[in-house]
């Protein structure tokens, strides 16, 4: 039973981490677009 609980918790943390990394990547992409737009002006 403890093993199942540990696996479930690790899975939840892994999925939460993926969402965080995905959001961070989107933020970096937006920053890059703004920098690129400023460079074109």
N, C-alpha and C. Protein backbone atom coordinates (compact mmCIF):
# COMPACT_ATOMS: atom_id res chain seq x y z
N UNK A 1 0.82 -1.19 0.00
CA UNK A 1 0.00 0.00 0.00
C UNK A 1 0.86 1.26 0.00
N UNK A 2 1.94 1.25 0.79
CA UNK A 2 2.82 2.41 0.83
C UNK A 2 3.48 2.64 -0.53
N UNK A 3 3.78 1.55 -1.21
CA UNK A 3 4.44 1.66 -2.51
C UNK A 3 3.53 2.36 -3.52
N UNK A 4 2.25 2.02 -3.50
CA UNK A 4 1.29 2.65 -4.40
C UNK A 4 1.16 4.15 -4.10
N UNK A 5 1.15 4.50 -2.83
CA UNK A 5 1.06 5.91 -2.43
C UNK A 5 2.29 6.69 -2.91
N UNK A 6 3.46 6.10 -2.76
CA UNK A 6 4.70 6.75 -3.20
C UNK A 6 4.69 6.95 -4.71
N UNK A 7 4.25 5.94 -5.45
CA UNK A 7 4.19 6.05 -6.92
C UNK A 7 3.20 7.15 -7.33
N UNK A 8 2.05 7.20 -6.65
CA UNK A 8 1.05 8.22 -6.96
C UNK A 8 1.59 9.63 -6.68
N UNK A 9 2.26 9.81 -5.57
CA UNK A 9 2.82 11.12 -5.23
C UNK A 9 3.90 11.55 -6.22
N UNK A 10 4.77 10.62 -6.58
CA UNK A 10 5.82 10.94 -7.55
C UNK A 10 5.22 11.31 -8.90
N UNK A 11 4.17 10.61 -9.30
CA UNK A 11 3.51 10.92 -10.57
C UNK A 11 2.92 12.32 -10.54
N UNK A 12 2.29 12.68 -9.43
CA UNK A 12 1.68 14.01 -9.32
C UNK A 12 2.76 15.10 -9.39
N UNK A 13 3.86 14.91 -8.68
CA UNK A 13 4.93 15.91 -8.71
C UNK A 13 5.55 16.02 -10.10
N UNK A 14 5.68 14.90 -10.79
CA UNK A 14 6.24 14.92 -12.13
C UNK A 14 5.35 15.69 -13.09
N UNK A 15 4.04 15.45 -13.02
CA UNK A 15 3.11 16.17 -13.89
C UNK A 15 3.09 17.66 -13.57
N UNK A 16 3.14 18.00 -12.29
CA UNK A 16 3.16 19.41 -11.90
C UNK A 16 4.44 20.07 -12.40
N UNK A 17 5.54 19.37 -12.34
CA UNK A 17 6.81 19.91 -12.83
C UNK A 17 6.78 20.16 -14.32
N UNK A 18 6.14 19.27 -15.06
CA UNK A 18 6.04 19.43 -16.51
C UNK A 18 5.24 20.69 -16.85
N UNK A 19 4.17 20.91 -16.13
CA UNK A 19 3.37 22.11 -16.38
C UNK A 19 4.16 23.37 -16.07
N UNK A 20 4.95 23.33 -15.03
CA UNK A 20 5.76 24.48 -14.65
C UNK A 20 6.81 24.76 -15.72
N UNK A 21 7.48 23.73 -16.19
CA UNK A 21 8.51 23.90 -17.22
C UNK A 21 7.87 24.40 -18.51
N UNK A 22 6.70 23.89 -18.85
CA UNK A 22 6.01 24.31 -20.07
C UNK A 22 5.66 25.80 -19.98
N UNK A 23 5.15 26.23 -18.84
CA UNK A 23 4.81 27.65 -18.64
C UNK A 23 6.05 28.53 -18.70
N UNK A 24 7.14 28.05 -18.13
CA UNK A 24 8.40 28.80 -18.15
C UNK A 24 8.89 28.96 -19.59
N UNK A 25 8.75 27.90 -20.38
CA UNK A 25 9.14 27.96 -21.79
C UNK A 25 8.31 28.98 -22.56
N UNK A 26 7.03 29.04 -22.26
CA UNK A 26 6.16 30.02 -22.92
C UNK A 26 6.57 31.44 -22.54
N UNK A 27 6.89 31.65 -21.28
CA UNK A 27 7.33 32.97 -20.83
C UNK A 27 8.61 33.39 -21.55
N UNK A 28 9.56 32.47 -21.67
CA UNK A 28 10.81 32.78 -22.36
C UNK A 28 10.56 33.10 -23.83
N UNK A 29 9.62 32.40 -24.43
CA UNK A 29 9.29 32.65 -25.83
C UNK A 29 8.73 34.07 -26.01
N UNK A 30 7.87 34.49 -25.09
CA UNK A 30 7.29 35.83 -25.17
C UNK A 30 8.37 36.90 -25.01
N UNK A 31 9.30 36.68 -24.09
CA UNK A 31 10.41 37.62 -23.90
C UNK A 31 11.24 37.71 -25.17
N UNK A 32 11.51 36.57 -25.77
CA UNK A 32 12.29 36.55 -27.01
C UNK A 32 11.58 37.30 -28.14
N UNK A 33 10.27 37.17 -28.22
CA UNK A 33 9.52 37.89 -29.25
C UNK A 33 9.59 39.39 -29.03
N UNK A 34 9.50 39.83 -27.79
CA UNK A 34 9.57 41.27 -27.49
C UNK A 34 10.95 41.82 -27.82
N UNK A 35 11.98 41.07 -27.51
CA UNK A 35 13.35 41.50 -27.81
C UNK A 35 13.53 41.57 -29.33
N UNK A 36 13.03 40.55 -30.03
CA UNK A 36 13.13 40.54 -31.48
C UNK A 36 12.37 41.71 -32.10
N UNK A 37 11.19 42.03 -31.57
CA UNK A 37 10.40 43.16 -32.06
C UNK A 37 11.12 44.48 -31.83
N UNK A 38 11.77 44.63 -30.68
CA UNK A 38 12.50 45.85 -30.38
C UNK A 38 13.72 45.98 -31.28
N UNK A 39 14.34 44.86 -31.63
CA UNK A 39 15.53 44.90 -32.48
C UNK A 39 15.18 45.31 -33.91
N UNK A 40 13.97 44.97 -34.36
CA UNK A 40 13.55 45.31 -35.72
C UNK A 40 13.28 46.80 -35.87
N UNK A 41 12.89 47.45 -34.77
CA UNK A 41 12.59 48.89 -34.82
C UNK A 41 13.86 49.65 -34.91
